Amino acid sequence: MIRKNPRGDVPQIHPDAFIDPTAIICGLVIIEENVFIGPYAVIRADEVDANNHIEPIIIGAHSNIQDGVVIHSKSGAKVSIGQRTSIAHRAIVHGPCSVGSGVFIGFNSVLFNCTVETGCVVRHNAVVDGCHLPAGFYVRSTERIGAETDLTSLPQVSVAASEFSEDVARTNNELVMGYKRIQNEF
């Protein structure tokens, strides 16, 4: 479902993106080319700040937002997702938040009030809250990263983890093309 927010902002969706019919895209959302938005994903840019201002939620080209993902933001703060980034099933990205290009966010993970730079991998059931994660870092499953976390204790992304991230992005790019081909059959 594509709908405007109470302020009247309407999503801007590139014609080459695929939005599953069960997804909800609301308000000041910008979805770039060849993006896959999976079943039951919710992307809502509808809250405003005290001055009735709202920043967009931007989903970069060739990224995928998988089944049940929620992307939202507090008081109209910006959320940006870079290019070729994968947000896996049931993850939550709550702004303000910036996620770089070529990032993988695992199942059930939560990002809040943070920056995750290019090439990072955040595995399943992890939490990244209130911090800046530099490029190329690896967050293990179930780990919690916050403002007090010593980032020198985190490993860099391995070649295998990077290859996994690229494979997920590639697979979902192929899904966009396949679903666009059959979308009139729904």
N, C-alpha and C. Protein backbone atom coordinates (compact mmCIF):
# COMPACT_ATOMS: atom_id res chain seq x y z
N MET A 1 0.84 -1.16 0.00
CA MET A 1 0.00 0.00 0.00
C MET A 1 0.90 1.24 0.00
N ILE A 2 0.67 2.10 -0.94
CA ILE A 2 1.41 3.36 -1.06
C ILE A 2 0.44 4.46 -0.63
N ARG A 3 0.86 5.25 0.37
CA ARG A 3 -0.08 6.30 0.82
C ARG A 3 0.66 7.53 1.32
N LYS A 4 -0.08 8.63 1.32
CA LYS A 4 0.50 9.87 1.84
C LYS A 4 0.42 9.87 3.36
N ASN A 5 1.25 10.73 3.96
CA ASN A 5 1.21 10.87 5.41
C ASN A 5 0.23 12.00 5.78
N PRO A 6 -0.05 12.22 7.06
CA PRO A 6 -1.01 13.25 7.44
C PRO A 6 -0.63 14.66 6.95
N ARG A 7 0.66 14.92 6.74
CA ARG A 7 1.10 16.22 6.25
C ARG A 7 0.89 16.36 4.75
N GLY A 8 0.66 15.22 4.06
CA GLY A 8 0.40 15.23 2.62
C GLY A 8 1.56 14.79 1.75
N ASP A 9 2.68 14.36 2.36
CA ASP A 9 3.82 13.88 1.58
C ASP A 9 3.50 12.51 0.97
N VAL A 10 3.87 12.35 -0.29
CA VAL A 10 3.60 11.10 -1.02
C VAL A 10 4.94 10.44 -1.36
N PRO A 11 5.04 9.11 -1.21
CA PRO A 11 6.29 8.42 -1.57
C PRO A 11 6.69 8.65 -3.02
N GLN A 12 7.98 8.72 -3.26
CA GLN A 12 8.54 8.82 -4.61
C GLN A 12 9.24 7.49 -4.88
N ILE A 13 8.70 6.73 -5.82
CA ILE A 13 9.19 5.38 -6.08
C ILE A 13 9.64 5.28 -7.53
N HIS A 14 10.89 4.91 -7.71
CA HIS A 14 11.42 4.74 -9.06
C HIS A 14 10.63 3.64 -9.77
N PRO A 15 10.32 3.83 -11.05
CA PRO A 15 9.52 2.81 -11.75
C PRO A 15 10.20 1.45 -11.87
N ASP A 16 11.52 1.39 -11.70
CA ASP A 16 12.22 0.11 -11.78
C ASP A 16 12.33 -0.60 -10.43
N ALA A 17 11.76 -0.02 -9.38
CA ALA A 17 11.74 -0.68 -8.06
C ALA A 17 10.58 -1.66 -8.02
N PHE A 18 10.68 -2.64 -7.13
CA PHE A 18 9.56 -3.55 -6.90
C PHE A 18 9.12 -3.43 -5.45
N ILE A 19 7.84 -3.12 -5.26
CA ILE A 19 7.24 -3.03 -3.94
C ILE A 19 6.21 -4.14 -3.84
N ASP A 20 6.39 -5.08 -2.90
CA ASP A 20 5.40 -6.13 -2.72
C ASP A 20 4.06 -5.50 -2.36
N PRO A 21 2.97 -6.04 -2.89
CA PRO A 21 1.64 -5.46 -2.62
C PRO A 21 1.26 -5.43 -1.13
N THR A 22 1.89 -6.25 -0.31
CA THR A 22 1.56 -6.25 1.13
C THR A 22 2.37 -5.24 1.93
N ALA A 23 3.38 -4.62 1.31
CA ALA A 23 4.22 -3.63 2.00
C ALA A 23 3.44 -2.33 2.17
N ILE A 24 3.84 -1.55 3.17
CA ILE A 24 3.25 -0.23 3.40
C ILE A 24 4.37 0.81 3.28
N ILE A 25 4.19 1.72 2.34
CA ILE A 25 5.14 2.81 2.12
C ILE A 25 4.35 4.09 2.33
N CYS A 26 4.73 4.89 3.34
CA CYS A 26 3.92 6.03 3.74
C CYS A 26 4.77 7.29 3.87
N GLY A 27 4.33 8.35 3.22
CA GLY A 27 4.91 9.67 3.45
C GLY A 27 6.14 9.98 2.64
N LEU A 28 7.04 10.76 3.22
CA LEU A 28 8.21 11.29 2.53
C LEU A 28 9.30 10.21 2.43
N VAL A 29 9.03 9.24 1.57
CA VAL A 29 9.94 8.11 1.32
C VAL A 29 10.40 8.20 -0.12
N ILE A 30 11.70 8.06 -0.33
CA ILE A 30 12.28 8.06 -1.67
C ILE A 30 12.91 6.69 -1.89
N ILE A 31 12.41 5.99 -2.90
CA ILE A 31 12.91 4.65 -3.23
C ILE A 31 13.53 4.73 -4.62
N GLU A 32 14.83 4.45 -4.68
CA GLU A 32 15.57 4.58 -5.92
C GLU A 32 15.45 3.32 -6.80
N GLU A 33 16.16 3.31 -7.91
CA GLU A 33 16.00 2.25 -8.91
C GLU A 33 16.44 0.88 -8.42
N ASN A 34 15.75 -0.14 -8.94
CA ASN A 34 16.06 -1.54 -8.72
C ASN A 34 16.09 -1.92 -7.24
N VAL A 35 15.26 -1.29 -6.44
CA VAL A 35 15.12 -1.63 -5.02
C VAL A 35 14.04 -2.69 -4.88
N PHE A 36 14.27 -3.65 -4.00
CA PHE A 36 13.28 -4.69 -3.67
C PHE A 36 12.73 -4.39 -2.28
N ILE A 37 11.42 -4.24 -2.17
CA ILE A 37 10.74 -4.09 -0.89
C ILE A 37 9.87 -5.33 -0.72
N GLY A 38 10.20 -6.17 0.27
CA GLY A 38 9.57 -7.47 0.44
C GLY A 38 8.21 -7.42 1.13
N PRO A 39 7.58 -8.59 1.23
CA PRO A 39 6.27 -8.70 1.85
C PRO A 39 6.25 -8.17 3.29
N TYR A 40 5.21 -7.44 3.59
CA TYR A 40 4.92 -6.92 4.94
C TYR A 40 5.97 -5.97 5.49
N ALA A 41 6.82 -5.43 4.64
CA ALA A 41 7.73 -4.38 5.08
C ALA A 41 6.91 -3.10 5.32
N VAL A 42 7.36 -2.30 6.28
CA VAL A 42 6.69 -1.02 6.58
C VAL A 42 7.76 0.06 6.59
N ILE A 43 7.58 1.07 5.74
CA ILE A 43 8.48 2.21 5.68
C ILE A 43 7.61 3.45 5.83
N ARG A 44 7.74 4.09 7.01
CA ARG A 44 6.86 5.22 7.34
C ARG A 44 7.65 6.47 7.64
N ALA A 45 7.49 7.49 6.81
CA ALA A 45 8.05 8.82 7.08
C ALA A 45 6.86 9.73 7.33
N ASP A 46 6.36 9.67 8.57
CA ASP A 46 5.12 10.39 8.88
C ASP A 46 5.18 11.27 10.11
N GLU A 47 6.17 11.09 10.98
CA GLU A 47 6.28 11.95 12.16
C GLU A 47 6.99 13.25 11.78
N VAL A 48 6.56 14.35 12.39
CA VAL A 48 7.19 15.65 12.16
C VAL A 48 7.81 16.16 13.45
N ASP A 49 8.73 17.13 13.32
CA ASP A 49 9.31 17.74 14.52
C ASP A 49 8.40 18.86 15.01
N ALA A 50 8.83 19.60 16.01
CA ALA A 50 8.01 20.66 16.61
C ALA A 50 7.67 21.77 15.62
N ASN A 51 8.45 21.87 14.53
CA ASN A 51 8.20 22.90 13.50
C ASN A 51 7.49 22.35 12.28
N ASN A 52 6.89 21.17 12.41
CA ASN A 52 6.18 20.49 11.32
C ASN A 52 7.13 20.14 10.16
N HIS A 53 8.42 19.94 10.48
CA HIS A 53 9.42 19.58 9.48
C HIS A 53 9.64 18.07 9.51
N ILE A 54 9.94 17.52 8.35
CA ILE A 54 10.23 16.09 8.25
C ILE A 54 11.35 15.90 7.24
N GLU A 55 12.28 15.03 7.57
CA GLU A 55 13.33 14.63 6.64
C GLU A 55 12.89 13.33 5.96
N PRO A 56 13.43 13.04 4.78
CA PRO A 56 13.00 11.83 4.07
C PRO A 56 13.62 10.55 4.62
N ILE A 57 12.99 9.45 4.28
CA ILE A 57 13.59 8.13 4.38
C ILE A 57 14.00 7.79 2.95
N ILE A 58 15.28 7.53 2.74
CA ILE A 58 15.81 7.28 1.39
C ILE A 58 16.35 5.85 1.33
N ILE A 59 15.89 5.11 0.35
CA ILE A 59 16.38 3.75 0.11
C ILE A 59 17.18 3.80 -1.19
N GLY A 60 18.51 3.59 -1.09
CA GLY A 60 19.40 3.71 -2.23
C GLY A 60 19.23 2.61 -3.27
N ALA A 61 19.65 2.91 -4.47
CA ALA A 61 19.53 2.01 -5.61
C ALA A 61 20.12 0.63 -5.32
N HIS A 62 19.45 -0.38 -5.83
CA HIS A 62 19.89 -1.78 -5.79
C HIS A 62 19.91 -2.36 -4.37
N SER A 63 19.22 -1.72 -3.44
CA SER A 63 19.14 -2.25 -2.07
C SER A 63 17.91 -3.12 -1.93
N ASN A 64 17.88 -3.89 -0.85
CA ASN A 64 16.71 -4.72 -0.61
C ASN A 64 16.28 -4.60 0.84
N ILE A 65 14.99 -4.45 1.01
CA ILE A 65 14.34 -4.33 2.31
C ILE A 65 13.44 -5.56 2.39
N GLN A 66 13.83 -6.53 3.18
CA GLN A 66 13.19 -7.84 3.12
C GLN A 66 11.94 -7.93 3.99
N ASP A 67 11.35 -9.09 4.02
CA ASP A 67 10.06 -9.37 4.64
C ASP A 67 10.00 -8.88 6.09
N GLY A 68 8.97 -8.10 6.39
CA GLY A 68 8.70 -7.69 7.76
C GLY A 68 9.61 -6.62 8.33
N VAL A 69 10.48 -6.03 7.52
CA VAL A 69 11.36 -4.96 8.01
C VAL A 69 10.52 -3.72 8.33
N VAL A 70 10.90 -3.01 9.39
CA VAL A 70 10.26 -1.73 9.73
C VAL A 70 11.33 -0.65 9.69
N ILE A 71 11.04 0.41 8.92
CA ILE A 71 11.91 1.58 8.87
C ILE A 71 11.03 2.78 9.23
N HIS A 72 11.43 3.49 10.27
CA HIS A 72 10.65 4.63 10.77
C HIS A 72 11.62 5.61 11.39
N SER A 73 11.12 6.77 11.78
CA SER A 73 11.99 7.76 12.40
C SER A 73 11.26 8.61 13.41
N LYS A 74 11.98 8.96 14.44
CA LYS A 74 11.43 9.79 15.52
C LYS A 74 11.46 11.25 15.11
N SER A 75 10.35 11.92 15.30
CA SER A 75 10.23 13.38 15.11
C SER A 75 10.78 13.87 13.78
N GLY A 76 10.53 13.13 12.73
CA GLY A 76 10.89 13.58 11.39
C GLY A 76 12.36 13.54 11.05
N ALA A 77 13.18 12.81 11.83
CA ALA A 77 14.61 12.73 11.55
C ALA A 77 14.87 11.88 10.31
N LYS A 78 15.98 12.13 9.65
CA LYS A 78 16.32 11.45 8.40
C LYS A 78 16.78 10.02 8.64
N VAL A 79 16.40 9.16 7.71
CA VAL A 79 16.93 7.80 7.61
C VAL A 79 17.42 7.63 6.18
N SER A 80 18.66 7.19 6.03
CA SER A 80 19.17 6.92 4.69
C SER A 80 19.80 5.53 4.66
N ILE A 81 19.46 4.82 3.61
CA ILE A 81 20.01 3.48 3.35
C ILE A 81 20.79 3.60 2.04
N GLY A 82 22.06 3.24 2.05
CA GLY A 82 22.90 3.38 0.86
C GLY A 82 22.55 2.40 -0.25
N GLN A 83 23.38 2.37 -1.26
CA GLN A 83 23.18 1.49 -2.41
C GLN A 83 23.70 0.09 -2.11
N ARG A 84 23.06 -0.91 -2.75
CA ARG A 84 23.45 -2.33 -2.64
C ARG A 84 23.49 -2.80 -1.18
N THR A 85 22.60 -2.28 -0.37
CA THR A 85 22.52 -2.64 1.04
C THR A 85 21.36 -3.59 1.25
N SER A 86 21.55 -4.56 2.14
CA SER A 86 20.51 -5.55 2.45
C SER A 86 20.07 -5.40 3.90
N ILE A 87 18.77 -5.22 4.08
CA ILE A 87 18.18 -5.19 5.42
C ILE A 87 17.32 -6.45 5.50
N ALA A 88 17.77 -7.43 6.28
CA ALA A 88 17.15 -8.77 6.29
C ALA A 88 15.87 -8.82 7.11
N HIS A 89 15.19 -9.92 7.00
CA HIS A 89 13.86 -10.16 7.55
C HIS A 89 13.71 -9.66 8.99
N ARG A 90 12.65 -8.92 9.21
CA ARG A 90 12.19 -8.43 10.52
C ARG A 90 13.17 -7.50 11.23
N ALA A 91 14.14 -6.96 10.52
CA ALA A 91 15.03 -5.97 11.15
C ALA A 91 14.26 -4.67 11.35
N ILE A 92 14.73 -3.87 12.29
CA ILE A 92 14.16 -2.55 12.55
C ILE A 92 15.26 -1.51 12.38
N VAL A 93 14.98 -0.51 11.56
CA VAL A 93 15.88 0.62 11.39
C VAL A 93 15.08 1.84 11.83
N HIS A 94 15.46 2.42 12.96
CA HIS A 94 14.69 3.54 13.50
C HIS A 94 15.57 4.77 13.60
N GLY A 95 15.16 5.82 12.92
CA GLY A 95 15.94 7.04 12.85
C GLY A 95 15.82 7.92 14.06
N PRO A 96 16.80 8.81 14.13
CA PRO A 96 17.73 9.13 13.06
C PRO A 96 18.74 8.01 12.84
N CYS A 97 19.02 7.75 11.55
CA CYS A 97 19.90 6.63 11.24
C CYS A 97 20.45 6.78 9.81
N SER A 98 21.72 6.45 9.66
CA SER A 98 22.35 6.45 8.35
C SER A 98 23.06 5.12 8.16
N VAL A 99 22.72 4.43 7.09
CA VAL A 99 23.32 3.13 6.77
C VAL A 99 24.01 3.30 5.41
N GLY A 100 25.28 2.99 5.34
CA GLY A 100 26.05 3.19 4.12
C GLY A 100 25.75 2.18 3.03
N SER A 101 26.54 2.22 1.98
CA SER A 101 26.40 1.31 0.84
C SER A 101 27.10 -0.01 1.14
N GLY A 102 26.57 -1.08 0.51
CA GLY A 102 27.18 -2.39 0.64
C GLY A 102 27.15 -2.94 2.05
N VAL A 103 26.14 -2.57 2.83
CA VAL A 103 25.98 -3.02 4.22
C VAL A 103 25.01 -4.19 4.27
N PHE A 104 25.23 -5.10 5.20
CA PHE A 104 24.28 -6.18 5.47
C PHE A 104 23.82 -6.06 6.92
N ILE A 105 22.49 -5.99 7.10
CA ILE A 105 21.88 -5.96 8.44
C ILE A 105 21.08 -7.25 8.58
N GLY A 106 21.42 -8.07 9.56
CA GLY A 106 20.85 -9.41 9.71
C GLY A 106 19.44 -9.46 10.28
N PHE A 107 18.86 -10.64 10.24
CA PHE A 107 17.51 -10.90 10.72
C PHE A 107 17.33 -10.37 12.14
N ASN A 108 16.20 -9.74 12.40
CA ASN A 108 15.80 -9.27 13.73
C ASN A 108 16.75 -8.27 14.37
N SER A 109 17.69 -7.73 13.64
CA SER A 109 18.59 -6.73 14.21
C SER A 109 17.88 -5.40 14.36
N VAL A 110 18.40 -4.57 15.26
CA VAL A 110 17.82 -3.26 15.51
C VAL A 110 18.92 -2.20 15.39
N LEU A 111 18.63 -1.18 14.57
CA LEU A 111 19.50 -0.02 14.47
C LEU A 111 18.70 1.18 14.97
N PHE A 112 19.28 1.98 15.86
CA PHE A 112 18.60 3.18 16.35
C PHE A 112 19.62 4.28 16.60
N ASN A 113 19.31 5.47 16.10
CA ASN A 113 20.11 6.65 16.38
C ASN A 113 21.60 6.38 16.14
N CYS A 114 21.91 5.88 14.95
CA CYS A 114 23.28 5.46 14.68
C CYS A 114 23.68 5.72 13.24
N THR A 115 24.98 5.57 13.00
CA THR A 115 25.54 5.59 11.66
C THR A 115 26.29 4.28 11.48
N VAL A 116 25.99 3.58 10.39
CA VAL A 116 26.68 2.34 10.04
C VAL A 116 27.30 2.60 8.66
N GLU A 117 28.61 2.69 8.63
CA GLU A 117 29.30 3.08 7.41
C GLU A 117 29.38 1.94 6.38
N THR A 118 29.87 2.28 5.22
CA THR A 118 29.99 1.40 4.07
C THR A 118 30.66 0.06 4.42
N GLY A 119 30.10 -1.02 3.88
CA GLY A 119 30.72 -2.33 3.97
C GLY A 119 30.60 -3.04 5.31
N CYS A 120 29.87 -2.48 6.26
CA CYS A 120 29.71 -3.16 7.56
C CYS A 120 28.77 -4.35 7.43
N VAL A 121 28.94 -5.30 8.33
CA VAL A 121 28.03 -6.44 8.45
C VAL A 121 27.57 -6.49 9.90
N VAL A 122 26.26 -6.42 10.08
CA VAL A 122 25.64 -6.56 11.40
C VAL A 122 24.83 -7.85 11.33
N ARG A 123 25.26 -8.86 12.05
CA ARG A 123 24.62 -10.18 11.95
C ARG A 123 23.30 -10.21 12.70
N HIS A 124 22.71 -11.38 12.76
CA HIS A 124 21.34 -11.57 13.23
C HIS A 124 21.19 -11.25 14.72
N ASN A 125 20.03 -10.65 15.05
CA ASN A 125 19.65 -10.35 16.44
C ASN A 125 20.63 -9.43 17.14
N ALA A 126 21.34 -8.61 16.41
CA ALA A 126 22.27 -7.65 17.01
C ALA A 126 21.57 -6.30 17.18
N VAL A 127 22.15 -5.46 18.05
CA VAL A 127 21.62 -4.12 18.28
C VAL A 127 22.77 -3.12 18.12
N VAL A 128 22.53 -2.08 17.32
CA VAL A 128 23.47 -0.98 17.19
C VAL A 128 22.69 0.27 17.58
N ASP A 129 23.07 0.87 18.70
CA ASP A 129 22.28 1.94 19.31
C ASP A 129 23.16 3.10 19.75
N GLY A 130 22.91 4.29 19.18
CA GLY A 130 23.57 5.50 19.64
C GLY A 130 25.06 5.57 19.39
N CYS A 131 25.52 5.05 18.25
CA CYS A 131 26.95 5.09 17.99
C CYS A 131 27.24 5.23 16.50
N HIS A 132 28.51 5.40 16.20
CA HIS A 132 29.00 5.51 14.82
C HIS A 132 29.89 4.30 14.56
N LEU A 133 29.45 3.42 13.66
CA LEU A 133 30.20 2.22 13.33
C LEU A 133 30.98 2.51 12.04
N PRO A 134 32.31 2.64 12.12
CA PRO A 134 33.11 2.97 10.93
C PRO A 134 33.02 1.88 9.85
N ALA A 135 33.46 2.23 8.67
CA ALA A 135 33.41 1.32 7.51
C ALA A 135 34.12 0.01 7.80
N GLY A 136 33.50 -1.07 7.29
CA GLY A 136 34.14 -2.38 7.30
C GLY A 136 34.12 -3.13 8.61
N PHE A 137 33.29 -2.75 9.56
CA PHE A 137 33.24 -3.46 10.84
C PHE A 137 32.23 -4.59 10.81
N TYR A 138 32.46 -5.59 11.65
CA TYR A 138 31.64 -6.80 11.73
C TYR A 138 31.06 -6.89 13.14
N VAL A 139 29.73 -6.95 13.22
CA VAL A 139 29.05 -7.09 14.51
C VAL A 139 28.47 -8.50 14.56
N ARG A 140 28.91 -9.28 15.53
CA ARG A 140 28.49 -10.68 15.66
C ARG A 140 27.01 -10.77 16.04
N SER A 141 26.41 -11.92 15.75
CA SER A 141 25.02 -12.18 16.13
C SER A 141 24.84 -11.97 17.63
N THR A 142 23.74 -11.40 17.99
CA THR A 142 23.28 -11.13 19.37
C THR A 142 24.11 -10.09 20.11
N GLU A 143 25.10 -9.48 19.46
CA GLU A 143 25.94 -8.49 20.12
C GLU A 143 25.21 -7.15 20.19
N ARG A 144 25.48 -6.39 21.26
CA ARG A 144 24.92 -5.04 21.42
C ARG A 144 26.07 -4.04 21.35
N ILE A 145 25.96 -3.10 20.40
CA ILE A 145 26.97 -2.08 20.20
C ILE A 145 26.33 -0.74 20.57
N GLY A 146 26.94 -0.02 21.49
CA GLY A 146 26.42 1.28 21.90
C GLY A 146 27.52 2.32 21.97
N ALA A 147 27.17 3.47 22.49
CA ALA A 147 28.13 4.58 22.57
C ALA A 147 29.36 4.23 23.41
N GLU A 148 29.22 3.33 24.37
CA GLU A 148 30.34 2.97 25.24
C GLU A 148 31.17 1.80 24.72
N THR A 149 30.77 1.20 23.60
CA THR A 149 31.47 0.04 23.07
C THR A 149 32.86 0.42 22.57
N ASP A 150 33.85 -0.36 22.96
CA ASP A 150 35.21 -0.19 22.46
C ASP A 150 35.28 -0.81 21.07
N LEU A 151 35.27 0.02 20.04
CA LEU A 151 35.23 -0.49 18.67
C LEU A 151 36.48 -1.26 18.28
N THR A 152 37.58 -1.08 19.02
CA THR A 152 38.79 -1.85 18.71
C THR A 152 38.59 -3.33 19.03
N SER A 153 37.53 -3.65 19.79
CA SER A 153 37.24 -5.05 20.10
C SER A 153 36.47 -5.74 18.98
N LEU A 154 35.99 -4.97 18.01
CA LEU A 154 35.22 -5.55 16.90
C LEU A 154 36.15 -5.94 15.76
N PRO A 155 35.88 -7.08 15.13
CA PRO A 155 36.69 -7.47 13.98
C PRO A 155 36.28 -6.70 12.72
N GLN A 156 37.16 -6.72 11.74
CA GLN A 156 36.81 -6.20 10.42
C GLN A 156 36.01 -7.28 9.68
N VAL A 157 35.26 -6.86 8.69
CA VAL A 157 34.47 -7.79 7.89
C VAL A 157 35.41 -8.72 7.14
N SER A 158 35.16 -10.01 7.24
CA SER A 158 35.98 -11.00 6.54
C SER A 158 35.58 -11.07 5.07
N VAL A 159 36.41 -11.68 4.27
CA VAL A 159 36.11 -11.87 2.85
C VAL A 159 34.83 -12.70 2.71
N ALA A 160 34.68 -13.74 3.52
CA ALA A 160 33.49 -14.59 3.44
C ALA A 160 32.22 -13.80 3.77
N ALA A 161 32.27 -12.96 4.81
CA ALA A 161 31.10 -12.16 5.18
C ALA A 161 30.77 -11.15 4.09
N SER A 162 31.79 -10.57 3.50
CA SER A 162 31.59 -9.61 2.41
C SER A 162 30.98 -10.30 1.20
N GLU A 163 31.48 -11.49 0.87
CA GLU A 163 30.93 -12.25 -0.25
C GLU A 163 29.47 -12.63 0.00
N PHE A 164 29.15 -13.00 1.25
CA PHE A 164 27.76 -13.32 1.62
C PHE A 164 26.87 -12.09 1.39
N SER A 165 27.31 -10.94 1.84
CA SER A 165 26.54 -9.70 1.67
C SER A 165 26.29 -9.41 0.20
N GLU A 166 27.33 -9.54 -0.61
CA GLU A 166 27.19 -9.30 -2.05
C GLU A 166 26.24 -10.30 -2.69
N ASP A 167 26.28 -11.56 -2.25
CA ASP A 167 25.38 -12.57 -2.80
C ASP A 167 23.93 -12.26 -2.46
N VAL A 168 23.66 -11.80 -1.25
CA VAL A 168 22.29 -11.43 -0.86
C VAL A 168 21.81 -10.27 -1.73
N ALA A 169 22.65 -9.26 -1.92
CA ALA A 169 22.27 -8.12 -2.75
C ALA A 169 22.01 -8.56 -4.19
N ARG A 170 22.88 -9.39 -4.73
CA ARG A 170 22.71 -9.87 -6.11
C ARG A 170 21.41 -10.66 -6.26
N THR A 171 21.15 -11.56 -5.33
CA THR A 171 19.95 -12.38 -5.38
C THR A 171 18.70 -11.51 -5.36
N ASN A 172 18.68 -10.51 -4.50
CA ASN A 172 17.51 -9.65 -4.41
C ASN A 172 17.37 -8.73 -5.61
N ASN A 173 18.47 -8.34 -6.24
CA ASN A 173 18.38 -7.58 -7.50
C ASN A 173 17.72 -8.43 -8.57
N GLU A 174 18.05 -9.72 -8.61
CA GLU A 174 17.40 -10.62 -9.57
C GLU A 174 15.92 -10.77 -9.27
N LEU A 175 15.56 -10.76 -7.98
CA LEU A 175 14.14 -10.83 -7.61
C LEU A 175 13.37 -9.63 -8.13
N VAL A 176 13.97 -8.45 -8.07
CA VAL A 176 13.30 -7.25 -8.59
C VAL A 176 12.91 -7.47 -10.04
N MET A 177 13.85 -7.91 -10.85
CA MET A 177 13.57 -8.12 -12.27
C MET A 177 12.50 -9.19 -12.47
N GLY A 178 12.59 -10.28 -11.72
CA GLY A 178 11.61 -11.35 -11.85
C GLY A 178 10.20 -10.91 -11.45
N TYR A 179 10.10 -10.23 -10.31
CA TYR A 179 8.78 -9.78 -9.86
C TYR A 179 8.22 -8.67 -10.75
N LYS A 180 9.06 -7.80 -11.28
CA LYS A 180 8.57 -6.77 -12.20
C LYS A 180 7.98 -7.41 -13.45
N ARG A 181 8.59 -8.52 -13.89
CA ARG A 181 8.11 -9.22 -15.06
C ARG A 181 6.72 -9.79 -14.86
N ILE A 182 6.42 -10.25 -13.64
CA ILE A 182 5.13 -10.92 -13.39
C ILE A 182 4.15 -10.09 -12.57
N GLN A 183 4.47 -8.82 -12.29
CA GLN A 183 3.64 -8.06 -11.35
C GLN A 183 2.21 -7.88 -11.81
N ASN A 184 1.95 -7.90 -13.10
CA ASN A 184 0.56 -7.77 -13.57
C ASN A 184 -0.25 -9.04 -13.37
N GLU A 185 0.41 -10.11 -12.94
CA GLU A 185 -0.28 -11.37 -12.68
C GLU A 185 -0.83 -11.44 -11.27
N PHE A 186 -0.47 -10.48 -10.40
CA PHE A 186 -0.92 -10.52 -8.99
C PHE A 186 -2.41 -10.28 -8.91
